[in-house]
């Protein structure tokens, strides 16, 4: 086996591992879907404003998790529009589909909503088939985010709109950064492991805009959003963060009880400075990018 072939094989193994990892926490995402949407409300509103959905638009949500963003848009593209909720984990797609069914039963004026399994880096879709694509906190987990962005550009129609959000720097997101740092200190291993894209992988200066430029997008704008997290107690914080974070659930479960307890106590101590009478309010920062596919021939982004 050549070195190049071995590298490709290794990359596919890592990709498969990351994809399966999200399937293992899908049930928790379904259970806490309302809490996730409440936390993400500012990001959701800003992303929707960035793409300006109107009646008749066809919309693709990528890395949808429980599908909250796409479902919010569904009411705006009716009549005549449609929304596809997609995720690489079949378990996530099943949860999003169930929520879409219940959403449709509650909202008469909503667009057609469907769901399917799609890999950000290999979208099994025709060229130029959507007016809008949105991806909230998903692109940073792609092994090849430039390829993923290029795929998104390919499936958008000329002039199609994109909005995506990723987490800002680790140091400015202590709600998760403190947890990552503590686990890393106590285990002696990097978190996330080397070669695995993590939540802050696109937080570098200009990284997000650079990827979208390479993918061929135009009218690229990146803004910073303050997104503090709010939890009623440290117990609530710990339960939600450890159940939703794909890499953590298995990692923590594999540790001895005493080590897991020590990690929890250390995180509690470090976050105590964010305690308020109403609970924990911890700073957070997202980067939100909006862009447009150039208004030119439909085959411009075809492979």
C-alpha atoms as a PDB file:
ATOM      1  CA  UNK A   1       0.000   0.000   0.000  1.00  0.00           C
ATOM      2  CA  UNK A   2       1.390   3.399  -1.020  1.00  0.00           C
ATOM      3  CA  UNK A   3       1.793   6.227   1.485  1.00  0.00           C
ATOM      4  CA  UNK A   4      -0.973   8.187  -0.266  1.00  0.00           C
ATOM      5  CA  UNK A   5      -3.356   5.237  -0.149  1.00  0.00           C
ATOM      6  CA  UNK A   6      -2.577   4.721   3.526  1.00  0.00           C
ATOM      7  CA  UNK A   7      -3.293   8.384   4.267  1.00  0.00           C
ATOM      8  CA  UNK A   8      -6.640   8.176   2.471  1.00  0.00           C
ATOM      9  CA  UNK A   9      -7.504   4.999   4.371  1.00  0.00           C
ATOM     10  CA  UNK A  10      -6.593   6.594   7.694  1.00  0.00           C
ATOM     11  CA  UNK A  11      -8.648   9.690   6.899  1.00  0.00           C
ATOM     12  CA  UNK A  12     -11.685   7.575   6.078  1.00  0.00           C
ATOM     13  CA  UNK A  13     -11.307   5.682   9.343  1.00  0.00           C
ATOM     14  CA  UNK A  14     -11.194   8.939  11.285  1.00  0.00           C
ATOM     15  CA  UNK A  15     -14.171  10.271   9.344  1.00  0.00           C
ATOM     16  CA  UNK A  16     -16.165   7.131  10.092  1.00  0.00           C
ATOM     17  CA  UNK A  17     -15.227   7.365  13.764  1.00  0.00           C
ATOM     18  CA  UNK A  18     -16.399  10.980  13.989  1.00  0.00           C
ATOM     19  CA  UNK A  19     -19.664  10.171  12.222  1.00  0.00           C
ATOM     20  CA  UNK A  20     -20.437   7.237  14.507  1.00  0.00           C
ATOM     21  CA  UNK A  21     -19.553   9.332  17.539  1.00  0.00           C
ATOM     22  CA  UNK A  22     -22.443  11.698  16.839  1.00  0.00           C
ATOM     23  CA  UNK A  23     -24.822   8.797  16.503  1.00  0.00           C
ATOM     24  CA  UNK A  24     -24.023   7.753  20.068  1.00  0.00           C
ATOM     25  CA  UNK A  25     -25.291  11.059  21.494  1.00  0.00           C
ATOM     26  CA  UNK A  26     -28.310  11.480  19.211  1.00  0.00           C
ATOM     27  CA  UNK A  27     -30.800  10.347  21.854  1.00  0.00           C
ATOM     28  CA  UNK A  28     -29.551  13.061  24.225  1.00  0.00           C
ATOM     29  CA  UNK A  29     -29.914  15.687  21.482  1.00  0.00           C
ATOM     30  CA  UNK A  30     -33.513  14.605  21.054  1.00  0.00           C
ATOM     31  CA  UNK A  31     -34.155  14.710  24.786  1.00  0.00           C
ATOM     32  CA  UNK A  32     -32.638  18.189  25.182  1.00  0.00           C
ATOM     33  CA  UNK A  33     -33.763  19.669  21.847  1.00  0.00           C
ATOM     34  CA  UNK A  34     -35.726  22.507  23.433  1.00  0.00           C
ATOM     35  CA  UNK A  35     -32.783  23.480  25.657  1.00  0.00           C
ATOM     36  CA  UNK A  36     -30.458  23.442  22.635  1.00  0.00           C
ATOM     37  CA  UNK A  37     -32.781  25.734  20.701  1.00  0.00           C
ATOM     38  CA  UNK A  38     -33.116  28.123  23.627  1.00  0.00           C
ATOM     39  CA  UNK A  39     -29.319  28.375  23.893  1.00  0.00           C
ATOM     40  CA  UNK A  40     -28.965  28.898  20.159  1.00  0.00           C
ATOM     41  CA  UNK A  41     -31.808  31.405  19.780  1.00  0.00           C
ATOM     42  CA  UNK A  42     -29.583  34.409  19.010  1.00  0.00           C
ATOM     43  CA  UNK A  43     -27.541  32.442  16.477  1.00  0.00           C
ATOM     44  CA  UNK A  44     -30.705  31.072  14.865  1.00  0.00           C
ATOM     45  CA  UNK A  45     -32.287  34.496  14.453  1.00  0.00           C
ATOM     46  CA  UNK A  46     -29.112  35.994  13.033  1.00  0.00           C
ATOM     47  CA  UNK A  47     -28.637  33.155  10.564  1.00  0.00           C
ATOM     48  CA  UNK A  48     -32.228  33.443   9.371  1.00  0.00           C
ATOM     49  CA  UNK A  49     -31.848  37.196   8.919  1.00  0.00           C
ATOM     50  CA  UNK A  50     -28.655  36.594   6.922  1.00  0.00           C
ATOM     51  CA  UNK A  51     -30.307  34.350   4.309  1.00  0.00           C
ATOM     52  CA  UNK A  52     -33.728  36.058   4.242  1.00  0.00           C
ATOM     53  CA  UNK A  53     -36.024  33.102   3.535  1.00  0.00           C
ATOM     54  CA  UNK A  54     -39.153  33.883   1.514  1.00  0.00           C
ATOM     55  CA  UNK A  55     -42.112  31.865   0.275  1.00  0.00           C
ATOM     56  CA  UNK A  56     -41.076  29.297  -2.312  1.00  0.00           C
ATOM     57  CA  UNK A  57     -37.427  28.985  -1.258  1.00  0.00           C
ATOM     58  CA  UNK A  58     -35.911  25.514  -1.131  1.00  0.00           C
ATOM     59  CA  UNK A  59     -33.696  25.133   1.921  1.00  0.00           C
ATOM     60  CA  UNK A  60     -31.073  22.612   3.012  1.00  0.00           C
ATOM     61  CA  UNK A  61     -30.047  22.371   6.667  1.00  0.00           C
ATOM     62  CA  UNK A  62     -26.743  20.537   7.127  1.00  0.00           C
ATOM     63  CA  UNK A  63     -25.509  18.905  10.332  1.00  0.00           C
ATOM     64  CA  UNK A  64     -29.030  19.548  11.574  1.00  0.00           C
ATOM     65  CA  UNK A  65     -28.915  17.665  14.870  1.00  0.00           C
ATOM     66  CA  UNK A  66     -32.506  17.761  16.091  1.00  0.00           C
ATOM     67  CA  UNK A  67     -33.470  20.061  13.207  1.00  0.00           C
ATOM     68  CA  UNK A  68     -34.516  23.192  15.077  1.00  0.00           C
ATOM     69  CA  UNK A  69     -33.060  25.722  12.651  1.00  0.00           C
ATOM     70  CA  UNK A  70     -34.630  24.133   9.586  1.00  0.00           C
ATOM     71  CA  UNK A  71     -37.998  23.855  11.303  1.00  0.00           C
ATOM     72  CA  UNK A  72     -37.898  27.558  12.192  1.00  0.00           C
ATOM     73  CA  UNK A  73     -37.256  28.379   8.530  1.00  0.00           C
ATOM     74  CA  UNK A  74     -40.044  26.064   7.311  1.00  0.00           C
ATOM     75  CA  UNK A  75     -42.727  28.483   8.434  1.00  0.00           C
ATOM     76  CA  UNK A  76     -41.093  31.282   6.425  1.00  0.00           C
ATOM     77  CA  UNK A  77     -40.869  29.547   3.030  1.00  0.00           C
ATOM     78  CA  UNK A  78     -44.522  28.521   2.892  1.00  0.00           C
ATOM     79  CA  UNK A  79     -46.345  28.336   0.558  1.00  0.00           C
ATOM     80  CA  UNK A  80     -44.409  26.564  -2.153  1.00  0.00           C
ATOM     81  CA  UNK A  81     -41.098  26.089  -0.374  1.00  0.00           C
ATOM     82  CA  UNK A  82     -39.460  23.025   1.095  1.00  0.00           C
ATOM     83  CA  UNK A  83     -36.881  22.241   3.756  1.00  0.00           C
ATOM     84  CA  UNK A  84     -34.552  19.249   3.894  1.00  0.00           C
ATOM     85  CA  UNK A  85     -33.121  18.407   7.319  1.00  0.00           C
ATOM     86  CA  UNK A  86     -29.876  16.471   6.971  1.00  0.00           C
ATOM     87  CA  UNK A  87     -27.182  15.036   9.178  1.00  0.00           C
ATOM     88  CA  UNK A  88     -24.424  12.466   8.756  1.00  0.00           C
ATOM     89  CA  UNK A  89     -25.738  10.402  11.683  1.00  0.00           C
ATOM     90  CA  UNK A  90     -28.857   8.355  10.828  1.00  0.00           C
ATOM     91  CA  UNK A  91     -29.854   8.493  14.486  1.00  0.00           C
ATOM     92  CA  UNK A  92     -29.904  12.301  14.365  1.00  0.00           C
ATOM     93  CA  UNK A  93     -31.914  12.262  11.139  1.00  0.00           C
ATOM     94  CA  UNK A  94     -34.522   9.993  12.725  1.00  0.00           C
ATOM     95  CA  UNK A  95     -34.927  12.433  15.628  1.00  0.00           C
ATOM     96  CA  UNK A  96     -35.170  15.430  13.282  1.00  0.00           C
ATOM     97  CA  UNK A  97     -37.780  13.594  11.184  1.00  0.00           C
ATOM     98  CA  UNK A  98     -39.872  12.849  14.259  1.00  0.00           C
ATOM     99  CA  UNK A  99     -39.703  16.470  15.381  1.00  0.00           C
ATOM    100  CA  UNK A 100     -40.643  17.600  11.861  1.00  0.00           C
ATOM    101  CA  UNK A 101     -43.754  15.420  11.960  1.00  0.00           C
ATOM    102  CA  UNK A 102     -44.807  16.893  15.296  1.00  0.00           C
ATOM    103  CA  UNK A 103     -43.964  20.414  14.071  1.00  0.00           C
ATOM    104  CA  UNK A 104     -46.162  19.944  11.003  1.00  0.00           C
ATOM    105  CA  UNK A 105     -49.069  18.784  13.131  1.00  0.00           C
ATOM    106  CA  UNK A 106     -48.866  22.006  15.184  1.00  0.00           C
ATOM    107  CA  UNK A 107     -48.316  24.468  12.326  1.00  0.00           C
ATOM    108  CA  UNK A 108     -50.733  24.490   9.414  1.00  0.00           C
ATOM    109  CA  UNK A 109     -48.832  27.163   7.440  1.00  0.00           C
ATOM    110  CA  UNK A 110     -45.503  25.414   7.047  1.00  0.00           C
ATOM    111  CA  UNK A 111     -43.466  24.231   4.088  1.00  0.00           C
ATOM    112  CA  UNK A 112     -42.929  20.608   3.191  1.00  0.00           C
ATOM    113  CA  UNK A 113     -40.168  19.198   5.398  1.00  0.00           C
ATOM    114  CA  UNK A 114     -38.206  16.028   4.660  1.00  0.00           C
ATOM    115  CA  UNK A 115     -35.073  14.506   6.152  1.00  0.00           C
ATOM    116  CA  UNK A 116     -32.153  12.467   4.875  1.00  0.00           C
ATOM    117  CA  UNK A 117     -28.665  11.282   5.761  1.00  0.00           C
ATOM    118  CA  UNK A 118     -26.010  13.468   4.108  1.00  0.00           C
ATOM    119  CA  UNK A 119     -22.263  13.812   4.637  1.00  0.00           C
ATOM    120  CA  UNK A 120     -21.119  17.444   4.527  1.00  0.00           C
ATOM    121  CA  UNK A 121     -18.030  16.498   2.538  1.00  0.00           C
ATOM    122  CA  UNK A 122     -19.823  14.261   0.030  1.00  0.00           C
ATOM    123  CA  UNK A 123     -23.329  15.601  -0.551  1.00  0.00           C
ATOM    124  CA  UNK A 124     -25.362  13.042  -2.454  1.00  0.00           C
ATOM    125  CA  UNK A 125     -27.371  15.738  -4.215  1.00  0.00           C
ATOM    126  CA  UNK A 126     -27.600  17.161  -7.753  1.00  0.00           C
ATOM    127  CA  UNK A 127     -25.914  20.413  -8.661  1.00  0.00           C
ATOM    128  CA  UNK A 128     -27.794  23.679  -8.094  1.00  0.00           C
ATOM    129  CA  UNK A 129     -30.869  22.298  -6.301  1.00  0.00           C
ATOM    130  CA  UNK A 130     -31.338  24.662  -3.326  1.00  0.00           C
ATOM    131  CA  UNK A 131     -31.820  28.395  -2.841  1.00  0.00           C
ATOM    132  CA  UNK A 132     -30.523  28.441   0.738  1.00  0.00           C
ATOM    133  CA  UNK A 133     -28.134  26.324   2.811  1.00  0.00           C
ATOM    134  CA  UNK A 134     -27.653  26.678   6.567  1.00  0.00           C
ATOM    135  CA  UNK A 135     -25.263  24.880   8.893  1.00  0.00           C
ATOM    136  CA  UNK A 136     -25.260  25.725  12.587  1.00  0.00           C
ATOM    137  CA  UNK A 137     -22.210  24.495  14.501  1.00  0.00           C
ATOM    138  CA  UNK A 138     -21.383  21.678  12.102  1.00  0.00           C
ATOM    139  CA  UNK A 139     -18.676  22.757   9.656  1.00  0.00           C
ATOM    140  CA  UNK A 140     -15.984  22.789  12.358  1.00  0.00           C
ATOM    141  CA  UNK A 141     -16.340  19.009  12.731  1.00  0.00           C
ATOM    142  CA  UNK A 142     -15.623  18.295   9.045  1.00  0.00           C
ATOM    143  CA  UNK A 143     -12.228  16.708   8.408  1.00  0.00           C
ATOM    144  CA  UNK A 144     -11.953  18.761   5.223  1.00  0.00           C
ATOM    145  CA  UNK A 145     -14.037  21.912   5.744  1.00  0.00           C
ATOM    146  CA  UNK A 146     -12.949  23.422   2.424  1.00  0.00           C
ATOM    147  CA  UNK A 147     -14.272  20.394   0.581  1.00  0.00           C
ATOM    148  CA  UNK A 148     -17.493  20.635   2.601  1.00  0.00           C
ATOM    149  CA  UNK A 149     -17.893  24.310   1.741  1.00  0.00           C
ATOM    150  CA  UNK A 150     -17.250  23.543  -1.929  1.00  0.00           C
ATOM    151  CA  UNK A 151     -19.946  20.878  -1.830  1.00  0.00           C
ATOM    152  CA  UNK A 152     -22.367  23.371  -0.311  1.00  0.00           C
ATOM    153  CA  UNK A 153     -21.586  25.841  -3.084  1.00  0.00           C
ATOM    154  CA  UNK A 154     -22.166  23.118  -5.676  1.00  0.00           C
ATOM    155  CA  UNK A 155     -25.694  22.280  -4.493  1.00  0.00           C
ATOM    156  CA  UNK A 156     -26.753  25.934  -4.261  1.00  0.00           C
ATOM    157  CA  UNK A 157     -28.318  27.589  -7.280  1.00  0.00           C
ATOM    158  CA  UNK A 158     -26.538  30.600  -8.787  1.00  0.00           C
ATOM    159  CA  UNK A 159     -27.099  33.442  -6.345  1.00  0.00           C
ATOM    160  CA  UNK A 160     -27.968  30.966  -3.585  1.00  0.00           C
ATOM    161  CA  UNK A 161     -27.479  32.101   0.020  1.00  0.00           C
ATOM    162  CA  UNK A 162     -25.480  30.481   2.798  1.00  0.00           C
ATOM    163  CA  UNK A 163     -25.368  31.072   6.546  1.00  0.00           C
ATOM    164  CA  UNK A 164     -23.237  29.044   8.900  1.00  0.00           C
ATOM    165  CA  UNK A 165     -22.041  29.368  12.468  1.00  0.00           C
ATOM    166  CA  UNK A 166     -19.001  27.957  14.248  1.00  0.00           C
ATOM    167  CA  UNK A 167     -17.619  28.466  17.728  1.00  0.00           C
ATOM    168  CA  UNK A 168     -15.071  31.198  18.333  1.00  0.00           C
ATOM    169  CA  UNK A 169     -11.780  30.709  20.227  1.00  0.00           C
ATOM    170  CA  UNK A 170     -11.539  28.154  22.997  1.00  0.00           C
ATOM    171  CA  UNK A 171     -10.397  30.747  25.528  1.00  0.00           C
ATOM    172  CA  UNK A 172     -13.489  32.847  24.849  1.00  0.00           C
ATOM    173  CA  UNK A 173     -15.841  29.912  25.305  1.00  0.00           C
ATOM    174  CA  UNK A 174     -15.165  28.778  28.860  1.00  0.00           C
ATOM    175  CA  UNK A 175     -18.539  27.002  28.989  1.00  0.00           C
ATOM    176  CA  UNK A 176     -16.803  24.258  26.985  1.00  0.00           C
ATOM    177  CA  UNK A 177     -13.138  25.267  27.002  1.00  0.00           C
ATOM    178  CA  UNK A 178     -12.845  24.734  30.766  1.00  0.00           C
ATOM    179  CA  UNK A 179     -14.278  21.242  30.424  1.00  0.00           C
ATOM    180  CA  UNK A 180     -11.911  20.365  27.581  1.00  0.00           C
ATOM    181  CA  UNK A 181      -8.895  21.761  29.405  1.00  0.00           C
ATOM    182  CA  UNK A 182      -9.702  19.921  32.621  1.00  0.00           C
ATOM    183  CA  UNK A 183     -10.181  16.552  30.953  1.00  0.00           C
ATOM    184  CA  UNK A 184      -6.940  17.088  29.059  1.00  0.00           C
ATOM    185  CA  UNK A 185      -5.025  17.922  32.241  1.00  0.00           C
ATOM    186  CA  UNK A 186      -6.349  14.927  34.171  1.00  0.00           C
ATOM    187  CA  UNK A 187      -5.925  12.359  31.409  1.00  0.00           C
ATOM    188  CA  UNK A 188      -2.695  13.639  29.868  1.00  0.00           C
ATOM    189  CA  UNK A 189      -4.190  13.319  26.393  1.00  0.00           C
ATOM    190  CA  UNK A 190      -5.188  16.141  24.029  1.00  0.00           C
ATOM    191  CA  UNK A 191      -8.920  16.841  23.806  1.00  0.00           C
ATOM    192  CA  UNK A 192      -9.995  16.450  21.093  1.00  0.00           C
ATOM    193  CA  UNK A 193      -7.429  13.808  20.084  1.00  0.00           C
ATOM    194  CA  UNK A 194      -4.874  14.665  17.430  1.00  0.00           C
ATOM    195  CA  UNK A 195      -6.371  14.417  13.963  1.00  0.00           C
ATOM    196  CA  UNK A 196      -9.968  14.800  15.173  1.00  0.00           C
ATOM    197  CA  UNK A 197     -11.608  18.142  14.328  1.00  0.00           C
ATOM    198  CA  UNK A 198     -12.982  19.820  17.431  1.00  0.00           C
ATOM    199  CA  UNK A 199     -15.479  22.556  18.254  1.00  0.00           C
ATOM    200  CA  UNK A 200     -12.882  25.333  17.931  1.00  0.00           C
ATOM    201  CA  UNK A 201     -11.152  24.103  14.773  1.00  0.00           C
ATOM    202  CA  UNK A 202     -12.326  27.098  12.694  1.00  0.00           C
ATOM    203  CA  UNK A 203     -11.801  29.771  15.350  1.00  0.00           C
ATOM    204  CA  UNK A 204      -8.541  31.113  13.924  1.00  0.00           C
ATOM    205  CA  UNK A 205      -8.424  34.630  12.499  1.00  0.00           C
ATOM    206  CA  UNK A 206      -9.709  34.575   8.936  1.00  0.00           C
ATOM    207  CA  UNK A 207     -10.156  30.788   8.867  1.00  0.00           C
ATOM    208  CA  UNK A 208     -13.855  30.810   8.107  1.00  0.00           C
ATOM    209  CA  UNK A 209     -13.699  33.526   5.457  1.00  0.00           C
ATOM    210  CA  UNK A 210     -10.685  31.816   3.878  1.00  0.00           C
ATOM    211  CA  UNK A 211     -12.514  28.514   3.514  1.00  0.00           C
ATOM    212  CA  UNK A 212     -15.549  30.147   1.920  1.00  0.00           C
ATOM    213  CA  UNK A 213     -13.322  32.104  -0.462  1.00  0.00           C
ATOM    214  CA  UNK A 214     -11.548  28.913  -1.539  1.00  0.00           C
ATOM    215  CA  UNK A 215     -14.933  27.282  -2.075  1.00  0.00           C
ATOM    216  CA  UNK A 216     -15.889  30.032  -4.524  1.00  0.00           C
ATOM    217  CA  UNK A 217     -18.384  32.019  -2.468  1.00  0.00           C
ATOM    218  CA  UNK A 218     -18.795  35.769  -2.804  1.00  0.00           C
ATOM    219  CA  UNK A 219     -20.200  38.567  -0.622  1.00  0.00           C
ATOM    220  CA  UNK A 220     -18.656  36.849   2.402  1.00  0.00           C
ATOM    221  CA  UNK A 221     -19.318  38.488   5.744  1.00  0.00           C
ATOM    222  CA  UNK A 222     -18.242  37.158   9.138  1.00  0.00           C
ATOM    223  CA  UNK A 223     -19.547  38.595  12.372  1.00  0.00           C
ATOM    224  CA  UNK A 224     -18.978  37.799  16.016  1.00  0.00           C
ATOM    225  CA  UNK A 225     -21.924  36.984  18.243  1.00  0.00           C
ATOM    226  CA  UNK A 226     -21.970  36.882  22.029  1.00  0.00           C
ATOM    227  CA  UNK A 227     -23.704  33.654  23.038  1.00  0.00           C
ATOM    228  CA  UNK A 228     -23.433  33.169  26.806  1.00  0.00           C
ATOM    229  CA  UNK A 229     -24.847  29.948  28.187  1.00  0.00           C
ATOM    230  CA  UNK A 230     -27.321  29.860  31.062  1.00  0.00           C
ATOM    231  CA  UNK A 231     -27.835  26.890  33.374  1.00  0.00           C
ATOM    232  CA  UNK A 232     -29.951  26.755  36.511  1.00  0.00           C
ATOM    233  CA  UNK A 233     -27.195  24.969  38.421  1.00  0.00           C
ATOM    234  CA  UNK A 234     -23.837  23.309  37.981  1.00  0.00           C
ATOM    235  CA  UNK A 235     -25.593  19.933  38.020  1.00  0.00           C
ATOM    236  CA  UNK A 236     -27.709  21.070  35.065  1.00  0.00           C
ATOM    237  CA  UNK A 237     -24.612  22.374  33.292  1.00  0.00           C
ATOM    238  CA  UNK A 238     -22.704  19.125  33.770  1.00  0.00           C
ATOM    239  CA  UNK A 239     -25.554  16.899  32.662  1.00  0.00           C
ATOM    240  CA  UNK A 240     -26.268  18.834  29.478  1.00  0.00           C
ATOM    241  CA  UNK A 241     -22.655  19.404  28.376  1.00  0.00           C
ATOM    242  CA  UNK A 242     -21.478  15.847  28.962  1.00  0.00           C
ATOM    243  CA  UNK A 243     -24.527  14.289  27.317  1.00  0.00           C
ATOM    244  CA  UNK A 244     -24.501  16.436  24.167  1.00  0.00           C
ATOM    245  CA  UNK A 245     -20.757  16.593  23.487  1.00  0.00           C
ATOM    246  CA  UNK A 246     -20.052  13.726  21.116  1.00  0.00           C
ATOM    247  CA  UNK A 247     -16.427  13.100  22.153  1.00  0.00           C
ATOM    248  CA  UNK A 248     -17.096  13.362  25.888  1.00  0.00           C
ATOM    249  CA  UNK A 249     -19.786  10.853  26.557  1.00  0.00           C
ATOM    250  CA  UNK A 250     -17.616   7.855  25.706  1.00  0.00           C
ATOM    251  CA  UNK A 251     -14.406   9.407  27.009  1.00  0.00           C
ATOM    252  CA  UNK A 252     -15.787  10.169  30.449  1.00  0.00           C
ATOM    253  CA  UNK A 253     -17.594   6.853  30.698  1.00  0.00           C
ATOM    254  CA  UNK A 254     -14.303   5.034  30.116  1.00  0.00           C
ATOM    255  CA  UNK A 255     -12.538   6.765  33.024  1.00  0.00           C
ATOM    256  CA  UNK A 256     -12.373   5.337  36.555  1.00  0.00           C
ATOM    257  CA  UNK A 257     -15.048   6.689  38.875  1.00  0.00           C
ATOM    258  CA  UNK A 258     -12.575   8.563  41.076  1.00  0.00           C
ATOM    259  CA  UNK A 259     -10.962  10.309  38.107  1.00  0.00           C
ATOM    260  CA  UNK A 260     -14.331  11.256  36.660  1.00  0.00           C
ATOM    261  CA  UNK A 261     -15.374  12.661  40.036  1.00  0.00           C
ATOM    262  CA  UNK A 262     -12.179  14.688  40.321  1.00  0.00           C
ATOM    263  CA  UNK A 263     -12.677  16.145  36.834  1.00  0.00           C
ATOM    264  CA  UNK A 264     -16.218  17.141  37.718  1.00  0.00           C
ATOM    265  CA  UNK A 265     -15.113  18.809  40.957  1.00  0.00           C
ATOM    266  CA  UNK A 266     -12.327  20.696  39.182  1.00  0.00           C
ATOM    267  CA  UNK A 267     -14.673  21.996  36.499  1.00  0.00           C
ATOM    268  CA  UNK A 268     -17.137  23.033  39.202  1.00  0.00           C
ATOM    269  CA  UNK A 269     -14.456  25.033  41.011  1.00  0.00           C
ATOM    270  CA  UNK A 270     -13.212  26.723  37.846  1.00  0.00           C
ATOM    271  CA  UNK A 271     -16.698  27.759  36.751  1.00  0.00           C
ATOM    272  CA  UNK A 272     -17.774  29.010  40.168  1.00  0.00           C
ATOM    273  CA  UNK A 273     -16.796  32.577  39.235  1.00  0.00           C
ATOM    274  CA  UNK A 274     -19.682  32.568  36.748  1.00  0.00           C
ATOM    275  CA  UNK A 275     -22.258  31.727  39.411  1.00  0.00           C
ATOM    276  CA  UNK A 276     -25.147  34.194  39.718  1.00  0.00           C
ATOM    277  CA  UNK A 277     -28.298  34.143  41.862  1.00  0.00           C
ATOM    278  CA  UNK A 278     -30.106  32.700  38.828  1.00  0.00           C
ATOM    279  CA  UNK A 279     -27.526  30.007  38.129  1.00  0.00           C
ATOM    280  CA  UNK A 280     -24.462  29.773  35.908  1.00  0.00           C
ATOM    281  CA  UNK A 281     -24.031  32.356  33.159  1.00  0.00           C
ATOM    282  CA  UNK A 282     -20.872  31.555  31.213  1.00  0.00           C
ATOM    283  CA  UNK A 283     -19.456  33.619  28.323  1.00  0.00           C
ATOM    284  CA  UNK A 284     -19.466  32.270  24.791  1.00  0.00           C
ATOM    285  CA  UNK A 285     -18.651  33.560  21.309  1.00  0.00           C
ATOM    286  CA  UNK A 286     -19.768  32.331  17.891  1.00  0.00           C
ATOM    287  CA  UNK A 287     -18.625  33.368  14.436  1.00  0.00           C
ATOM    288  CA  UNK A 288     -21.444  33.632  11.928  1.00  0.00           C
ATOM    289  CA  UNK A 289     -20.668  33.736   8.220  1.00  0.00           C
ATOM    290  CA  UNK A 290     -22.998  34.628   5.402  1.00  0.00           C
ATOM    291  CA  UNK A 291     -22.145  34.314   1.719  1.00  0.00           C
ATOM    292  CA  UNK A 292     -23.622  33.893  -1.723  1.00  0.00           C
ATOM    293  CA  UNK A 293     -22.851  31.576  -4.596  1.00  0.00           C
ATOM    294  CA  UNK A 294     -21.860  33.645  -7.637  1.00  0.00           C
ATOM    295  CA  UNK A 295     -24.722  34.301 -10.002  1.00  0.00           C
ATOM    296  CA  UNK A 296     -23.296  32.460 -12.973  1.00  0.00           C
ATOM    297  CA  UNK A 297     -23.598  29.145 -14.796  1.00  0.00           C
ATOM    298  CA  UNK A 298     -25.003  26.189 -12.874  1.00  0.00           C
ATOM    299  CA  UNK A 299     -22.050  23.890 -13.601  1.00  0.00           C
ATOM    300  CA  UNK A 300     -19.419  26.236 -12.177  1.00  0.00           C
ATOM    301  CA  UNK A 301     -18.954  24.087  -9.064  1.00  0.00           C
ATOM    302  CA  UNK A 302     -19.467  20.640 -10.523  1.00  0.00           C
ATOM    303  CA  UNK A 303     -16.690  18.081  -9.934  1.00  0.00           C
END
